[in-house]
Amino acid sequence: MKASDLRTNSAAELRTQLEELLREQFNLRMQKGSGQFSRPSQMRAVRRDIARIKTLMTESKVGGGT
């Protein structure tokens, strides 16, 4: 997921994607805790996607966004 692709989304779509990613992150943590964790790189990717979305949400809230 690229930031340039996310910039075209509305605030509601960003919130929806953020909620989905937070659920996925929770599920990955539960898998890790139970020993069923198969792809550790997926945790890093989800964490970074969450950060990208939160950054874009903050940029739009502040009114800047370059």
PDB file of N, CA and C in Angstrom:
ATOM      1  N   MET A   1       0.847  -1.161   0.000  1.00  0.00           N
ATOM      2  CA  MET A   1       0.000   0.000   0.000  1.00  0.00           C
ATOM      3  C   MET A   1       0.903   1.237   0.000  1.00  0.00           C
ATOM      4  N   LYS A   2       0.701   2.110  -0.958  1.00  0.00           N
ATOM      5  CA  LYS A   2       1.518   3.309  -1.075  1.00  0.00           C
ATOM      6  C   LYS A   2       0.740   4.530  -0.612  1.00  0.00           C
ATOM      7  N   ALA A   3       1.466   5.498  -0.097  1.00  0.00           N
ATOM      8  CA  ALA A   3       0.833   6.722   0.388  1.00  0.00           C
ATOM      9  C   ALA A   3       0.159   7.470  -0.749  1.00  0.00           C
ATOM     10  N   SER A   4       0.751   7.428  -1.929  1.00  0.00           N
ATOM     11  CA  SER A   4       0.144   8.138  -3.064  1.00  0.00           C
ATOM     12  C   SER A   4      -1.214   7.528  -3.423  1.00  0.00           C
ATOM     13  N   ASP A   5      -1.346   6.229  -3.274  1.00  0.00           N
ATOM     14  CA  ASP A   5      -2.637   5.583  -3.525  1.00  0.00           C
ATOM     15  C   ASP A   5      -3.650   5.933  -2.440  1.00  0.00           C
ATOM     16  N   LEU A   6      -3.181   6.060  -1.216  1.00  0.00           N
ATOM     17  CA  LEU A   6      -4.075   6.359  -0.103  1.00  0.00           C
ATOM     18  C   LEU A   6      -4.569   7.802  -0.129  1.00  0.00           C
ATOM     19  N   ARG A   7      -3.792   8.702  -0.705  1.00  0.00           N
ATOM     20  CA  ARG A   7      -4.175  10.118  -0.742  1.00  0.00           C
ATOM     21  C   ARG A   7      -5.459  10.353  -1.536  1.00  0.00           C
ATOM     22  N   THR A   8      -5.784   9.447  -2.443  1.00  0.00           N
ATOM     23  CA  THR A   8      -6.995   9.612  -3.244  1.00  0.00           C
ATOM     24  C   THR A   8      -8.252   9.199  -2.485  1.00  0.00           C
ATOM     25  N   ASN A   9      -8.088   8.532  -1.350  1.00  0.00           N
ATOM     26  CA  ASN A   9      -9.233   8.057  -0.575  1.00  0.00           C
ATOM     27  C   ASN A   9      -9.810   9.171   0.295  1.00  0.00           C
ATOM     28  N   SER A  10     -11.083   9.050   0.600  1.00  0.00           N
ATOM     29  CA  SER A  10     -11.727  10.011   1.493  1.00  0.00           C
ATOM     30  C   SER A  10     -11.394   9.660   2.944  1.00  0.00           C
ATOM     31  N   ALA A  11     -11.762  10.552   3.845  1.00  0.00           N
ATOM     32  CA  ALA A  11     -11.491  10.342   5.267  1.00  0.00           C
ATOM     33  C   ALA A  11     -12.233   9.105   5.784  1.00  0.00           C
ATOM     34  N   ALA A  12     -13.456   8.890   5.317  1.00  0.00           N
ATOM     35  CA  ALA A  12     -14.227   7.728   5.753  1.00  0.00           C
ATOM     36  C   ALA A  12     -13.572   6.426   5.279  1.00  0.00           C
ATOM     37  N   GLU A  13     -13.073   6.428   4.051  1.00  0.00           N
ATOM     38  CA  GLU A  13     -12.400   5.233   3.540  1.00  0.00           C
ATOM     39  C   GLU A  13     -11.122   4.955   4.312  1.00  0.00           C
ATOM     40  N   LEU A  14     -10.399   6.016   4.673  1.00  0.00           N
ATOM     41  CA  LEU A  14      -9.177   5.838   5.456  1.00  0.00           C
ATOM     42  C   LEU A  14      -9.488   5.255   6.829  1.00  0.00           C
ATOM     43  N   ARG A  15     -10.570   5.742   7.458  1.00  0.00           N
ATOM     44  CA  ARG A  15     -10.964   5.193   8.762  1.00  0.00           C
ATOM     45  C   ARG A  15     -11.324   3.720   8.652  1.00  0.00           C
ATOM     46  N   THR A  16     -12.033   3.363   7.591  1.00  0.00           N
ATOM     47  CA  THR A  16     -12.416   1.963   7.386  1.00  0.00           C
ATOM     48  C   THR A  16     -11.183   1.085   7.200  1.00  0.00           C
ATOM     49  N   GLN A  17     -10.253   1.548   6.391  1.00  0.00           N
ATOM     50  CA  GLN A  17      -9.022   0.781   6.168  1.00  0.00           C
ATOM     51  C   GLN A  17      -8.219   0.667   7.455  1.00  0.00           C
ATOM     52  N   LEU A  18      -8.192   1.731   8.246  1.00  0.00           N
ATOM     53  CA  LEU A  18      -7.470   1.707   9.511  1.00  0.00           C
ATOM     54  C   LEU A  18      -8.076   0.672  10.456  1.00  0.00           C
ATOM     55  N   GLU A  19      -9.400   0.631  10.538  1.00  0.00           N
ATOM     56  CA  GLU A  19     -10.063  -0.349  11.398  1.00  0.00           C
ATOM     57  C   GLU A  19      -9.738  -1.771  10.957  1.00  0.00           C
ATOM     58  N   GLU A  20      -9.738  -2.017   9.648  1.00  0.00           N
ATOM     59  CA  GLU A  20      -9.421  -3.343   9.137  1.00  0.00           C
ATOM     60  C   GLU A  20      -7.984  -3.735   9.472  1.00  0.00           C
ATOM     61  N   LEU A  21      -7.067  -2.781   9.325  1.00  0.00           N
ATOM     62  CA  LEU A  21      -5.671  -3.071   9.624  1.00  0.00           C
ATOM     63  C   LEU A  21      -5.448  -3.311  11.114  1.00  0.00           C
ATOM     64  N   LEU A  22      -6.162  -2.579  11.962  1.00  0.00           N
ATOM     65  CA  LEU A  22      -6.037  -2.798  13.397  1.00  0.00           C
ATOM     66  C   LEU A  22      -6.563  -4.181  13.792  1.00  0.00           C
ATOM     67  N   ARG A  23      -7.651  -4.617  13.150  1.00  0.00           N
ATOM     68  CA  ARG A  23      -8.152  -5.979  13.395  1.00  0.00           C
ATOM     69  C   ARG A  23      -7.133  -7.021  12.945  1.00  0.00           C
ATOM     70  N   GLU A  24      -6.552  -6.782  11.773  1.00  0.00           N
ATOM     71  CA  GLU A  24      -5.554  -7.714  11.257  1.00  0.00           C
ATOM     72  C   GLU A  24      -4.337  -7.771  12.174  1.00  0.00           C
ATOM     73  N   GLN A  25      -3.924  -6.618  12.688  1.00  0.00           N
ATOM     74  CA  GLN A  25      -2.795  -6.591  13.605  1.00  0.00           C
ATOM     75  C   GLN A  25      -3.116  -7.377  14.878  1.00  0.00           C
ATOM     76  N   PHE A  26      -4.324  -7.227  15.377  1.00  0.00           N
ATOM     77  CA  PHE A  26      -4.740  -7.979  16.563  1.00  0.00           C
ATOM     78  C   PHE A  26      -4.697  -9.478  16.283  1.00  0.00           C
ATOM     79  N   ASN A  27      -5.232  -9.886  15.133  1.00  0.00           N
ATOM     80  CA  ASN A  27      -5.230 -11.301  14.787  1.00  0.00           C
ATOM     81  C   ASN A  27      -3.817 -11.848  14.663  1.00  0.00           C
ATOM     82  N   LEU A  28      -2.911 -11.056  14.090  1.00  0.00           N
ATOM     83  CA  LEU A  28      -1.527 -11.493  13.970  1.00  0.00           C
ATOM     84  C   LEU A  28      -0.866 -11.634  15.339  1.00  0.00           C
ATOM     85  N   ARG A  29      -1.187 -10.722  16.255  1.00  0.00           N
ATOM     86  CA  ARG A  29      -0.631 -10.845  17.615  1.00  0.00           C
ATOM     87  C   ARG A  29      -1.144 -12.097  18.302  1.00  0.00           C
ATOM     88  N   MET A  30      -2.418 -12.422  18.094  1.00  0.00           N
ATOM     89  CA  MET A  30      -2.974 -13.633  18.693  1.00  0.00           C
ATOM     90  C   MET A  30      -2.323 -14.884  18.098  1.00  0.00           C
ATOM     91  N   GLN A  31      -2.074 -14.862  16.798  1.00  0.00           N
ATOM     92  CA  GLN A  31      -1.395 -15.985  16.160  1.00  0.00           C
ATOM     93  C   GLN A  31       0.015 -16.140  16.716  1.00  0.00           C
ATOM     94  N   LYS A  32       0.685 -15.037  16.919  1.00  0.00           N
ATOM     95  CA  LYS A  32       2.047 -15.088  17.455  1.00  0.00           C
ATOM     96  C   LYS A  32       2.042 -15.659  18.868  1.00  0.00           C
ATOM     97  N   GLY A  33       1.064 -15.261  19.653  1.00  0.00           N
ATOM     98  CA  GLY A  33       0.961 -15.740  21.031  1.00  0.00           C
ATOM     99  C   GLY A  33       0.651 -17.216  21.121  1.00  0.00           C
ATOM    100  N   SER A  34      -0.110 -17.731  20.169  1.00  0.00           N
ATOM    101  CA  SER A  34      -0.485 -19.149  20.211  1.00  0.00           C
ATOM    102  C   SER A  34       0.490 -20.024  19.437  1.00  0.00           C
ATOM    103  N   GLY A  35       1.507 -19.427  18.843  1.00  0.00           N
ATOM    104  CA  GLY A  35       2.510 -20.215  18.135  1.00  0.00           C
ATOM    105  C   GLY A  35       2.136 -20.578  16.718  1.00  0.00           C
ATOM    106  N   GLN A  36       1.125 -19.949  16.150  1.00  0.00           N
ATOM    107  CA  GLN A  36       0.691 -20.254  14.786  1.00  0.00           C
ATOM    108  C   GLN A  36       1.166 -19.206  13.787  1.00  0.00           C
ATOM    109  N   PHE A  37       2.097 -18.388  14.186  1.00  0.00           N
ATOM    110  CA  PHE A  37       2.560 -17.275  13.363  1.00  0.00           C
ATOM    111  C   PHE A  37       3.412 -17.800  12.221  1.00  0.00           C
ATOM    112  N   SER A  38       2.982 -17.547  10.985  1.00  0.00           N
ATOM    113  CA  SER A  38       3.692 -18.116   9.841  1.00  0.00           C
ATOM    114  C   SER A  38       4.549 -17.095   9.095  1.00  0.00           C
ATOM    115  N   ARG A  39       4.094 -15.830   9.029  1.00  0.00           N
ATOM    116  CA  ARG A  39       4.841 -14.828   8.255  1.00  0.00           C
ATOM    117  C   ARG A  39       5.139 -13.608   9.119  1.00  0.00           C
ATOM    118  N   PRO A  40       6.308 -13.565   9.746  1.00  0.00           N
ATOM    119  CA  PRO A  40       6.646 -12.423  10.592  1.00  0.00           C
ATOM    120  C   PRO A  40       6.735 -11.106   9.821  1.00  0.00           C
ATOM    121  N   SER A  41       7.057 -11.156   8.550  1.00  0.00           N
ATOM    122  CA  SER A  41       7.167  -9.922   7.768  1.00  0.00           C
ATOM    123  C   SER A  41       5.806  -9.243   7.587  1.00  0.00           C
ATOM    124  N   GLN A  42       4.735 -10.010   7.714  1.00  0.00           N
ATOM    125  CA  GLN A  42       3.400  -9.442   7.566  1.00  0.00           C
ATOM    126  C   GLN A  42       3.092  -8.483   8.718  1.00  0.00           C
ATOM    127  N   MET A  43       3.591  -8.778   9.903  1.00  0.00           N
ATOM    128  CA  MET A  43       3.370  -7.900  11.054  1.00  0.00           C
ATOM    129  C   MET A  43       3.999  -6.530  10.793  1.00  0.00           C
ATOM    130  N   ARG A  44       5.193  -6.520  10.257  1.00  0.00           N
ATOM    131  CA  ARG A  44       5.879  -5.268   9.948  1.00  0.00           C
ATOM    132  C   ARG A  44       5.126  -4.475   8.885  1.00  0.00           C
ATOM    133  N   ALA A  45       4.644  -5.153   7.863  1.00  0.00           N
ATOM    134  CA  ALA A  45       3.920  -4.489   6.786  1.00  0.00           C
ATOM    135  C   ALA A  45       2.622  -3.862   7.300  1.00  0.00           C
ATOM    136  N   VAL A  46       1.902  -4.576   8.143  1.00  0.00           N
ATOM    137  CA  VAL A  46       0.645  -4.064   8.693  1.00  0.00           C
ATOM    138  C   VAL A  46       0.922  -2.853   9.574  1.00  0.00           C
ATOM    139  N   ARG A  47       1.962  -2.943  10.381  1.00  0.00           N
ATOM    140  CA  ARG A  47       2.309  -1.829  11.265  1.00  0.00           C
ATOM    141  C   ARG A  47       2.650  -0.575  10.462  1.00  0.00           C
ATOM    142  N   ARG A  48       3.372  -0.744   9.383  1.00  0.00           N
ATOM    143  CA  ARG A  48       3.748   0.400   8.556  1.00  0.00           C
ATOM    144  C   ARG A  48       2.546   0.968   7.796  1.00  0.00           C
ATOM    145  N   ASP A  49       1.641   0.107   7.360  1.00  0.00           N
ATOM    146  CA  ASP A  49       0.433   0.585   6.690  1.00  0.00           C
ATOM    147  C   ASP A  49      -0.426   1.407   7.647  1.00  0.00           C
ATOM    148  N   ILE A  50      -0.513   0.953   8.897  1.00  0.00           N
ATOM    149  CA  ILE A  50      -1.255   1.702   9.907  1.00  0.00           C
ATOM    150  C   ILE A  50      -0.627   3.084  10.095  1.00  0.00           C
ATOM    151  N   ALA A  51       0.685   3.131  10.150  1.00  0.00           N
ATOM    152  CA  ALA A  51       1.382   4.414  10.316  1.00  0.00           C
ATOM    153  C   ALA A  51       1.138   5.328   9.124  1.00  0.00           C
ATOM    154  N   ARG A  52       1.132   4.769   7.916  1.00  0.00           N
ATOM    155  CA  ARG A  52       0.873   5.587   6.724  1.00  0.00           C
ATOM    156  C   ARG A  52      -0.507   6.215   6.779  1.00  0.00           C
ATOM    157  N   ILE A  53      -1.498   5.417   7.122  1.00  0.00           N
ATOM    158  CA  ILE A  53      -2.875   5.922   7.168  1.00  0.00           C
ATOM    159  C   ILE A  53      -3.018   6.979   8.257  1.00  0.00           C
ATOM    160  N   LYS A  54      -2.441   6.733   9.428  1.00  0.00           N
ATOM    161  CA  LYS A  54      -2.535   7.720  10.505  1.00  0.00           C
ATOM    162  C   LYS A  54      -1.847   9.024  10.122  1.00  0.00           C
ATOM    163  N   THR A  55      -0.737   8.934   9.413  1.00  0.00           N
ATOM    164  CA  THR A  55      -0.033  10.131   8.965  1.00  0.00           C
ATOM    165  C   THR A  55      -0.892  10.931   8.002  1.00  0.00           C
ATOM    166  N   LEU A  56      -1.525  10.249   7.052  1.00  0.00           N
ATOM    167  CA  LEU A  56      -2.376  10.949   6.090  1.00  0.00           C
ATOM    168  C   LEU A  56      -3.594  11.567   6.767  1.00  0.00           C
ATOM    169  N   MET A  57      -4.143  10.878   7.748  1.00  0.00           N
ATOM    170  CA  MET A  57      -5.279  11.427   8.475  1.00  0.00           C
ATOM    171  C   MET A  57      -4.881  12.688   9.236  1.00  0.00           C
ATOM    172  N   THR A  58      -3.686  12.683   9.827  1.00  0.00           N
ATOM    173  CA  THR A  58      -3.199  13.858  10.536  1.00  0.00           C
ATOM    174  C   THR A  58      -2.931  15.004   9.578  1.00  0.00           C
ATOM    175  N   GLU A  59      -2.338  14.699   8.434  1.00  0.00           N
ATOM    176  CA  GLU A  59      -2.074  15.735   7.435  1.00  0.00           C
ATOM    177  C   GLU A  59      -3.348  16.416   6.984  1.00  0.00           C
ATOM    178  N   SER A  60      -4.376  15.627   6.740  1.00  0.00           N
ATOM    179  CA  SER A  60      -5.637  16.229   6.269  1.00  0.00           C
ATOM    180  C   SER A  60      -6.317  17.010   7.383  1.00  0.00           C
ATOM    181  N   LYS A  61      -6.143  16.567   8.630  1.00  0.00           N
ATOM    182  CA  LYS A  61      -6.754  17.271   9.757  1.00  0.00           C
ATOM    183  C   LYS A  61      -6.088  18.629   9.968  1.00  0.00           C
ATOM    184  N   VAL A  62      -4.787  18.674   9.818  1.00  0.00           N
ATOM    185  CA  VAL A  62      -4.045  19.907  10.012  1.00  0.00           C
ATOM    186  C   VAL A  62      -4.315  20.880   8.872  1.00  0.00           C
ATOM    187  N   GLY A  63      -4.592  20.337   7.695  1.00  0.00           N
ATOM    188  CA  GLY A  63      -4.896  21.186   6.562  1.00  0.00           C
ATOM    189  C   GLY A  63      -3.741  21.327   5.609  1.00  0.00           C
ATOM    190  N   GLY A  64      -2.600  20.833   6.008  1.00  0.00           N
ATOM    191  CA  GLY A  64      -1.432  20.889   5.132  1.00  0.00           C
ATOM    192  C   GLY A  64      -1.474  19.719   4.167  1.00  0.00           C
ATOM    193  N   GLY A  65      -0.409  19.003   4.128  1.00  0.00           N
ATOM    194  CA  GLY A  65      -0.388  17.827   3.272  1.00  0.00           C
ATOM    195  C   GLY A  65       0.320  18.073   1.976  1.00  0.00           C
ATOM    196  N   THR A  66       1.618  17.962   2.031  1.00  0.00           N
ATOM    197  CA  THR A  66       2.388  18.117   0.811  1.00  0.00           C
ATOM    198  C   THR A  66       2.913  16.794   0.365  1.00  0.00           C
TER     199      THR A  66
END
